[in-house]
Amino acid sequence: MSAKQNILAKLRNSLAGTTPVPDEFDVELVTVPYTYPQDQRIPQLRKLMEAVHTEIHLTCNEGWPALLAQLLHDRQLPSLLIAPTTPHGLRVTQHWANNPGLPVLTSYDRPVEDWKTELFNDTPASLTTTLGAIAATGSLILWPTREEPRLMSLVPPVHFALLKASEIRDNFYQVQQEFNWAQGMPTNALLVSGPSKTADIEQVLAYGAHGPKDLVVLILEDQ
């Protein structure tokens, strides 16, 4: 018998003769206090995210590429990393083609081993989408894919994230229910509430230690 099988057998044997405790979990305890009217989800999310130094901008589906270009200009960022085959990547590419002189677009279209030095040393900003957000905790939900790997939101110092207002949920329980995570958890879902920060060194708060030092969220309001 392997060590794993031995441990599991001991656990099963320890339950012999016991009576299961009824599950009296009341879902309202974790949902009712953290449920918001639809028109309060953005303000609630914004309040919590701005409290931890996240930058929030309200925009629309038509206007966000121009706003993104302006934010890059204001920060004097020379380039932007995109996922070129995604819908938002195609939108950015088209806007850039119609407006010469904007920062250089870099595509995440090859294995990281082929351009690790450039990614880590010469990529100042990236753009990713989100799976939604959670108003109760002020968190974005990121779900990396083959087209948009985790490194896109982890490595560049400035992370721009697109969020549809209609995809802001009230609480984490609602997210779990809507995506049926009880039947199959995603392999790499991430909850991000702000830029990377740490106070491990001499108890001094520092941003950008383990990820982006700036998180900029563009909320696309419904029209």
C-alpha atoms as a PDB file:
ATOM      1  CA  MET A   1       0.000   0.000   0.000  1.00  0.00           C
ATOM      2  CA  SER A   2       1.349   3.407  -0.966  1.00  0.00           C
ATOM      3  CA  ALA A   3       1.738   6.224   1.544  1.00  0.00           C
ATOM      4  CA  LYS A   4      -1.210   8.038  -0.057  1.00  0.00           C
ATOM      5  CA  GLN A   5      -3.452   4.972   0.153  1.00  0.00           C
ATOM      6  CA  ASN A   6      -2.380   4.406   3.752  1.00  0.00           C
ATOM      7  CA  ILE A   7      -3.329   7.957   4.748  1.00  0.00           C
ATOM      8  CA  LEU A   8      -6.702   7.749   2.995  1.00  0.00           C
ATOM      9  CA  ALA A   9      -7.444   4.410   4.634  1.00  0.00           C
ATOM     10  CA  LYS A  10      -6.745   5.849   8.088  1.00  0.00           C
ATOM     11  CA  LEU A  11      -9.035   8.778   7.401  1.00  0.00           C
ATOM     12  CA  ARG A  12     -11.859   6.497   6.249  1.00  0.00           C
ATOM     13  CA  ASN A  13     -11.426   4.186   9.229  1.00  0.00           C
ATOM     14  CA  SER A  14     -11.518   7.121  11.629  1.00  0.00           C
ATOM     15  CA  LEU A  15     -15.091   7.855  10.494  1.00  0.00           C
ATOM     16  CA  ALA A  16     -16.371   4.409  11.456  1.00  0.00           C
ATOM     17  CA  GLY A  17     -19.301   4.636  13.869  1.00  0.00           C
ATOM     18  CA  THR A  18     -19.687   8.409  13.530  1.00  0.00           C
ATOM     19  CA  THR A  19     -22.827  10.269  12.471  1.00  0.00           C
ATOM     20  CA  PRO A  20     -22.534  12.902   9.718  1.00  0.00           C
ATOM     21  CA  VAL A  21     -23.376  16.436  10.785  1.00  0.00           C
ATOM     22  CA  PRO A  22     -26.273  17.879   8.748  1.00  0.00           C
ATOM     23  CA  ASP A  23     -25.274  20.604   6.329  1.00  0.00           C
ATOM     24  CA  GLU A  24     -27.234  23.604   7.576  1.00  0.00           C
ATOM     25  CA  PHE A  25     -25.335  26.167   5.551  1.00  0.00           C
ATOM     26  CA  ASP A  26     -27.474  29.228   4.909  1.00  0.00           C
ATOM     27  CA  VAL A  27     -26.453  30.728   1.584  1.00  0.00           C
ATOM     28  CA  GLU A  28     -28.074  34.045   2.478  1.00  0.00           C
ATOM     29  CA  LEU A  29     -25.449  34.591   5.167  1.00  0.00           C
ATOM     30  CA  VAL A  30     -22.821  35.063   2.453  1.00  0.00           C
ATOM     31  CA  THR A  31     -24.972  36.686  -0.210  1.00  0.00           C
ATOM     32  CA  VAL A  32     -27.571  39.042   1.282  1.00  0.00           C
ATOM     33  CA  PRO A  33     -25.072  41.369   3.040  1.00  0.00           C
ATOM     34  CA  TYR A  34     -23.045  41.562  -0.163  1.00  0.00           C
ATOM     35  CA  THR A  35     -25.770  42.149  -2.749  1.00  0.00           C
ATOM     36  CA  TYR A  36     -26.047  45.527  -4.437  1.00  0.00           C
ATOM     37  CA  PRO A  37     -28.542  47.306  -6.691  1.00  0.00           C
ATOM     38  CA  GLN A  38     -27.320  47.246 -10.273  1.00  0.00           C
ATOM     39  CA  ASP A  39     -26.517  50.952 -10.281  1.00  0.00           C
ATOM     40  CA  GLN A  40     -24.338  50.534  -7.172  1.00  0.00           C
ATOM     41  CA  ARG A  41     -22.025  47.799  -8.443  1.00  0.00           C
ATOM     42  CA  ILE A  42     -19.647  50.133 -10.262  1.00  0.00           C
ATOM     43  CA  PRO A  43     -19.428  52.626  -7.350  1.00  0.00           C
ATOM     44  CA  GLN A  44     -18.838  49.779  -4.875  1.00  0.00           C
ATOM     45  CA  LEU A  45     -16.153  48.190  -7.040  1.00  0.00           C
ATOM     46  CA  ARG A  46     -14.531  51.537  -7.720  1.00  0.00           C
ATOM     47  CA  LYS A  47     -14.447  52.548  -4.048  1.00  0.00           C
ATOM     48  CA  LEU A  48     -12.641  49.387  -3.000  1.00  0.00           C
ATOM     49  CA  MET A  49     -10.221  49.223  -5.925  1.00  0.00           C
ATOM     50  CA  GLU A  50      -9.231  52.887  -5.769  1.00  0.00           C
ATOM     51  CA  ALA A  51      -8.575  52.462  -2.042  1.00  0.00           C
ATOM     52  CA  VAL A  52      -5.673  50.147  -2.957  1.00  0.00           C
ATOM     53  CA  HIS A  53      -4.273  52.391  -5.714  1.00  0.00           C
ATOM     54  CA  THR A  54      -6.084  50.937  -8.728  1.00  0.00           C
ATOM     55  CA  GLU A  55      -6.860  53.507 -11.434  1.00  0.00           C
ATOM     56  CA  ILE A  56     -10.423  53.333 -12.782  1.00  0.00           C
ATOM     57  CA  HIS A  57     -11.788  54.886 -15.986  1.00  0.00           C
ATOM     58  CA  LEU A  58     -15.364  54.713 -17.242  1.00  0.00           C
ATOM     59  CA  THR A  59     -15.722  54.431 -20.991  1.00  0.00           C
ATOM     60  CA  CYS A  60     -17.822  52.665 -23.641  1.00  0.00           C
ATOM     61  CA  ASN A  61     -17.398  49.976 -26.253  1.00  0.00           C
ATOM     62  CA  GLU A  62     -16.785  52.525 -28.993  1.00  0.00           C
ATOM     63  CA  GLY A  63     -14.472  54.816 -27.082  1.00  0.00           C
ATOM     64  CA  TRP A  64     -12.114  52.595 -25.123  1.00  0.00           C
ATOM     65  CA  PRO A  65      -9.361  52.187 -27.787  1.00  0.00           C
ATOM     66  CA  ALA A  66      -8.971  55.982 -28.011  1.00  0.00           C
ATOM     67  CA  LEU A  67      -8.929  56.262 -24.215  1.00  0.00           C
ATOM     68  CA  LEU A  68      -6.300  53.537 -24.023  1.00  0.00           C
ATOM     69  CA  ALA A  69      -4.136  55.382 -26.545  1.00  0.00           C
ATOM     70  CA  GLN A  70      -4.482  58.590 -24.524  1.00  0.00           C
ATOM     71  CA  LEU A  71      -3.525  56.871 -21.265  1.00  0.00           C
ATOM     72  CA  LEU A  72      -0.439  55.388 -22.916  1.00  0.00           C
ATOM     73  CA  HIS A  73       0.496  58.852 -24.201  1.00  0.00           C
ATOM     74  CA  ASP A  74      -0.059  60.467 -20.796  1.00  0.00           C
ATOM     75  CA  ARG A  75       2.223  57.909 -19.148  1.00  0.00           C
ATOM     76  CA  GLN A  76       4.791  58.193 -21.967  1.00  0.00           C
ATOM     77  CA  LEU A  77       4.760  54.435 -22.476  1.00  0.00           C
ATOM     78  CA  PRO A  78       6.576  53.490 -25.693  1.00  0.00           C
ATOM     79  CA  SER A  79       4.841  50.168 -26.361  1.00  0.00           C
ATOM     80  CA  LEU A  80       1.895  47.958 -25.439  1.00  0.00           C
ATOM     81  CA  LEU A  81       1.698  44.166 -25.288  1.00  0.00           C
ATOM     82  CA  ILE A  82      -1.525  42.712 -26.727  1.00  0.00           C
ATOM     83  CA  ALA A  83      -3.053  39.352 -27.573  1.00  0.00           C
ATOM     84  CA  PRO A  84      -3.460  39.939 -31.325  1.00  0.00           C
ATOM     85  CA  THR A  85      -6.034  37.243 -32.119  1.00  0.00           C
ATOM     86  CA  THR A  86      -8.542  38.177 -29.405  1.00  0.00           C
ATOM     87  CA  PRO A  87     -11.490  40.509 -30.164  1.00  0.00           C
ATOM     88  CA  HIS A  88     -10.004  43.326 -28.086  1.00  0.00           C
ATOM     89  CA  GLY A  89      -6.583  42.728 -29.620  1.00  0.00           C
ATOM     90  CA  LEU A  90      -8.092  43.138 -33.078  1.00  0.00           C
ATOM     91  CA  ARG A  91      -9.862  46.334 -31.965  1.00  0.00           C
ATOM     92  CA  VAL A  92      -6.600  47.828 -30.762  1.00  0.00           C
ATOM     93  CA  THR A  93      -4.782  46.825 -33.932  1.00  0.00           C
ATOM     94  CA  GLN A  94      -7.457  48.469 -36.092  1.00  0.00           C
ATOM     95  CA  HIS A  95      -7.456  51.682 -34.051  1.00  0.00           C
ATOM     96  CA  TRP A  96      -3.663  51.878 -34.222  1.00  0.00           C
ATOM     97  CA  ALA A  97      -3.760  51.356 -38.000  1.00  0.00           C
ATOM     98  CA  ASN A  98      -6.140  54.317 -38.341  1.00  0.00           C
ATOM     99  CA  ASN A  99      -4.100  56.554 -36.059  1.00  0.00           C
ATOM    100  CA  PRO A 100      -0.378  56.573 -36.950  1.00  0.00           C
ATOM    101  CA  GLY A 101       2.147  57.651 -34.359  1.00  0.00           C
ATOM    102  CA  LEU A 102       0.761  55.708 -31.420  1.00  0.00           C
ATOM    103  CA  PRO A 103       3.009  53.548 -29.193  1.00  0.00           C
ATOM    104  CA  VAL A 104       4.367  50.360 -30.724  1.00  0.00           C
ATOM    105  CA  LEU A 105       2.194  47.259 -30.417  1.00  0.00           C
ATOM    106  CA  THR A 106       3.903  44.038 -29.329  1.00  0.00           C
ATOM    107  CA  SER A 107       2.134  40.723 -29.852  1.00  0.00           C
ATOM    108  CA  TYR A 108       2.226  37.787 -27.467  1.00  0.00           C
ATOM    109  CA  ASP A 109       2.316  35.265 -30.289  1.00  0.00           C
ATOM    110  CA  ARG A 110       5.258  32.967 -29.494  1.00  0.00           C
ATOM    111  CA  PRO A 111       6.539  30.787 -26.660  1.00  0.00           C
ATOM    112  CA  VAL A 112       7.951  32.771 -23.764  1.00  0.00           C
ATOM    113  CA  GLU A 113      11.304  30.994 -24.130  1.00  0.00           C
ATOM    114  CA  ASP A 114      11.750  32.713 -27.502  1.00  0.00           C
ATOM    115  CA  TRP A 115      11.572  36.253 -26.102  1.00  0.00           C
ATOM    116  CA  LYS A 116      11.896  36.076 -22.325  1.00  0.00           C
ATOM    117  CA  THR A 117      14.500  38.858 -22.142  1.00  0.00           C
ATOM    118  CA  GLU A 118      12.345  41.249 -24.169  1.00  0.00           C
ATOM    119  CA  LEU A 119       9.218  40.388 -22.171  1.00  0.00           C
ATOM    120  CA  PHE A 120      10.829  40.936 -18.788  1.00  0.00           C
ATOM    121  CA  ASN A 121      13.084  43.882 -19.637  1.00  0.00           C
ATOM    122  CA  ASP A 122      11.503  45.798 -22.516  1.00  0.00           C
ATOM    123  CA  THR A 123       7.728  45.465 -22.137  1.00  0.00           C
ATOM    124  CA  PRO A 124       6.373  48.424 -20.156  1.00  0.00           C
ATOM    125  CA  ALA A 125       2.635  47.752 -20.444  1.00  0.00           C
ATOM    126  CA  SER A 126       0.054  45.152 -21.409  1.00  0.00           C
ATOM    127  CA  LEU A 127      -3.650  44.930 -22.148  1.00  0.00           C
ATOM    128  CA  THR A 128      -5.843  42.000 -21.123  1.00  0.00           C
ATOM    129  CA  THR A 129      -9.515  41.322 -20.823  1.00  0.00           C
ATOM    130  CA  THR A 130     -11.265  40.068 -17.683  1.00  0.00           C
ATOM    131  CA  LEU A 131     -13.881  37.448 -16.926  1.00  0.00           C
ATOM    132  CA  GLY A 132     -15.711  40.003 -14.805  1.00  0.00           C
ATOM    133  CA  ALA A 133     -15.392  41.502 -11.347  1.00  0.00           C
ATOM    134  CA  ILE A 134     -16.718  41.157  -7.793  1.00  0.00           C
ATOM    135  CA  ALA A 135     -18.241  44.265  -6.236  1.00  0.00           C
ATOM    136  CA  ALA A 136     -18.156  42.970  -2.651  1.00  0.00           C
ATOM    137  CA  THR A 137     -14.383  42.559  -2.591  1.00  0.00           C
ATOM    138  CA  GLY A 138     -13.316  45.032  -5.292  1.00  0.00           C
ATOM    139  CA  SER A 139     -11.683  42.312  -7.368  1.00  0.00           C
ATOM    140  CA  LEU A 140     -11.160  41.592 -11.052  1.00  0.00           C
ATOM    141  CA  ILE A 141     -11.546  38.014 -12.266  1.00  0.00           C
ATOM    142  CA  LEU A 142      -8.760  37.044 -14.652  1.00  0.00           C
ATOM    143  CA  TRP A 143      -8.879  33.768 -16.531  1.00  0.00           C
ATOM    144  CA  PRO A 144      -5.658  33.352 -18.555  1.00  0.00           C
ATOM    145  CA  THR A 145      -5.889  31.487 -21.855  1.00  0.00           C
ATOM    146  CA  ARG A 146      -3.531  30.205 -24.518  1.00  0.00           C
ATOM    147  CA  GLU A 147      -3.984  33.486 -26.417  1.00  0.00           C
ATOM    148  CA  GLU A 148      -3.641  35.615 -23.280  1.00  0.00           C
ATOM    149  CA  PRO A 149      -1.206  33.877 -20.888  1.00  0.00           C
ATOM    150  CA  ARG A 150      -0.829  34.715 -17.204  1.00  0.00           C
ATOM    151  CA  LEU A 151       2.481  36.469 -17.836  1.00  0.00           C
ATOM    152  CA  MET A 152       0.656  39.252 -19.692  1.00  0.00           C
ATOM    153  CA  SER A 153      -0.935  40.449 -16.460  1.00  0.00           C
ATOM    154  CA  LEU A 154       2.003  39.549 -14.234  1.00  0.00           C
ATOM    155  CA  VAL A 155       5.201  40.838 -15.871  1.00  0.00           C
ATOM    156  CA  PRO A 156       4.719  44.318 -17.442  1.00  0.00           C
ATOM    157  CA  PRO A 157       4.926  47.181 -14.910  1.00  0.00           C
ATOM    158  CA  VAL A 158       1.603  48.639 -16.102  1.00  0.00           C
ATOM    159  CA  HIS A 159      -1.438  46.409 -16.612  1.00  0.00           C
ATOM    160  CA  PHE A 160      -4.474  47.742 -18.483  1.00  0.00           C
ATOM    161  CA  ALA A 161      -7.586  45.580 -17.946  1.00  0.00           C
ATOM    162  CA  LEU A 162     -10.892  45.724 -19.832  1.00  0.00           C
ATOM    163  CA  LEU A 163     -14.034  45.104 -17.776  1.00  0.00           C
ATOM    164  CA  LYS A 164     -17.627  45.079 -19.017  1.00  0.00           C
ATOM    165  CA  ALA A 165     -19.971  46.735 -16.530  1.00  0.00           C
ATOM    166  CA  SER A 166     -22.533  44.007 -17.193  1.00  0.00           C
ATOM    167  CA  GLU A 167     -20.041  41.409 -15.934  1.00  0.00           C
ATOM    168  CA  ILE A 168     -19.614  42.895 -12.457  1.00  0.00           C
ATOM    169  CA  ARG A 169     -21.123  40.391  -9.998  1.00  0.00           C
ATOM    170  CA  ASP A 170     -22.196  41.088  -6.451  1.00  0.00           C
ATOM    171  CA  ASN A 171     -20.141  38.473  -4.621  1.00  0.00           C
ATOM    172  CA  PHE A 172     -17.865  35.464  -5.086  1.00  0.00           C
ATOM    173  CA  TYR A 173     -20.669  32.979  -4.432  1.00  0.00           C
ATOM    174  CA  GLN A 174     -22.567  34.395  -7.399  1.00  0.00           C
ATOM    175  CA  VAL A 175     -19.499  33.886  -9.601  1.00  0.00           C
ATOM    176  CA  GLN A 176     -19.133  30.270  -8.471  1.00  0.00           C
ATOM    177  CA  GLN A 177     -22.785  29.572  -9.202  1.00  0.00           C
ATOM    178  CA  GLU A 178     -22.882  31.257 -12.616  1.00  0.00           C
ATOM    179  CA  PHE A 179     -19.798  29.438 -13.881  1.00  0.00           C
ATOM    180  CA  ASN A 180     -20.705  26.162 -12.140  1.00  0.00           C
ATOM    181  CA  TRP A 181     -17.275  25.893 -10.529  1.00  0.00           C
ATOM    182  CA  ALA A 182     -18.559  23.138  -8.217  1.00  0.00           C
ATOM    183  CA  GLN A 183     -18.512  20.810 -11.231  1.00  0.00           C
ATOM    184  CA  GLY A 184     -15.099  21.883 -12.464  1.00  0.00           C
ATOM    185  CA  MET A 185     -12.801  24.569 -11.134  1.00  0.00           C
ATOM    186  CA  PRO A 186     -10.788  26.524 -13.710  1.00  0.00           C
ATOM    187  CA  THR A 187      -7.103  25.701 -13.678  1.00  0.00           C
ATOM    188  CA  ASN A 188      -5.926  29.273 -13.257  1.00  0.00           C
ATOM    189  CA  ALA A 189      -8.649  31.742 -12.249  1.00  0.00           C
ATOM    190  CA  LEU A 190      -7.247  34.811 -10.486  1.00  0.00           C
ATOM    191  CA  LEU A 191      -8.809  37.464  -8.265  1.00  0.00           C
ATOM    192  CA  VAL A 192      -6.908  40.749  -8.525  1.00  0.00           C
ATOM    193  CA  SER A 193      -7.823  43.733  -6.368  1.00  0.00           C
ATOM    194  CA  GLY A 194      -4.965  46.106  -7.107  1.00  0.00           C
ATOM    195  CA  PRO A 195      -1.357  46.515  -8.181  1.00  0.00           C
ATOM    196  CA  SER A 196       1.277  44.232  -6.707  1.00  0.00           C
ATOM    197  CA  LYS A 197       2.513  45.347  -3.300  1.00  0.00           C
ATOM    198  CA  THR A 198       4.474  44.035  -0.339  1.00  0.00           C
ATOM    199  CA  ALA A 199       5.686  45.227   3.045  1.00  0.00           C
ATOM    200  CA  ASP A 200       7.948  42.249   3.745  1.00  0.00           C
ATOM    201  CA  ILE A 201      11.148  44.295   3.545  1.00  0.00           C
ATOM    202  CA  GLU A 202      11.593  46.495   6.616  1.00  0.00           C
ATOM    203  CA  GLN A 203       7.783  46.836   6.820  1.00  0.00           C
ATOM    204  CA  VAL A 204       7.835  49.519   4.121  1.00  0.00           C
ATOM    205  CA  LEU A 205       4.986  49.275   1.596  1.00  0.00           C
ATOM    206  CA  ALA A 206       6.359  48.940  -1.935  1.00  0.00           C
ATOM    207  CA  TYR A 207       4.470  48.552  -5.199  1.00  0.00           C
ATOM    208  CA  GLY A 208       5.494  46.346  -8.099  1.00  0.00           C
ATOM    209  CA  ALA A 209       7.515  43.812  -6.110  1.00  0.00           C
ATOM    210  CA  HIS A 210       5.791  40.696  -7.457  1.00  0.00           C
ATOM    211  CA  GLY A 211       3.850  42.046 -10.438  1.00  0.00           C
ATOM    212  CA  PRO A 212       2.568  45.292 -11.991  1.00  0.00           C
ATOM    213  CA  LYS A 213       3.100  48.463  -9.985  1.00  0.00           C
ATOM    214  CA  ASP A 214       0.110  50.069 -11.741  1.00  0.00           C
ATOM    215  CA  LEU A 215      -3.293  48.540 -12.493  1.00  0.00           C
ATOM    216  CA  VAL A 216      -5.560  50.554 -14.789  1.00  0.00           C
ATOM    217  CA  VAL A 217      -9.117  49.304 -15.297  1.00  0.00           C
ATOM    218  CA  LEU A 218     -11.262  50.480 -18.208  1.00  0.00           C
ATOM    219  CA  ILE A 219     -14.921  49.809 -17.382  1.00  0.00           C
ATOM    220  CA  LEU A 220     -17.077  49.558 -20.480  1.00  0.00           C
ATOM    221  CA  GLU A 221     -20.490  50.881 -19.456  1.00  0.00           C
ATOM    222  CA  ASP A 222     -23.555  49.444 -21.141  1.00  0.00           C
ATOM    223  CA  GLN A 223     -25.192  51.682 -23.713  1.00  0.00           C
END
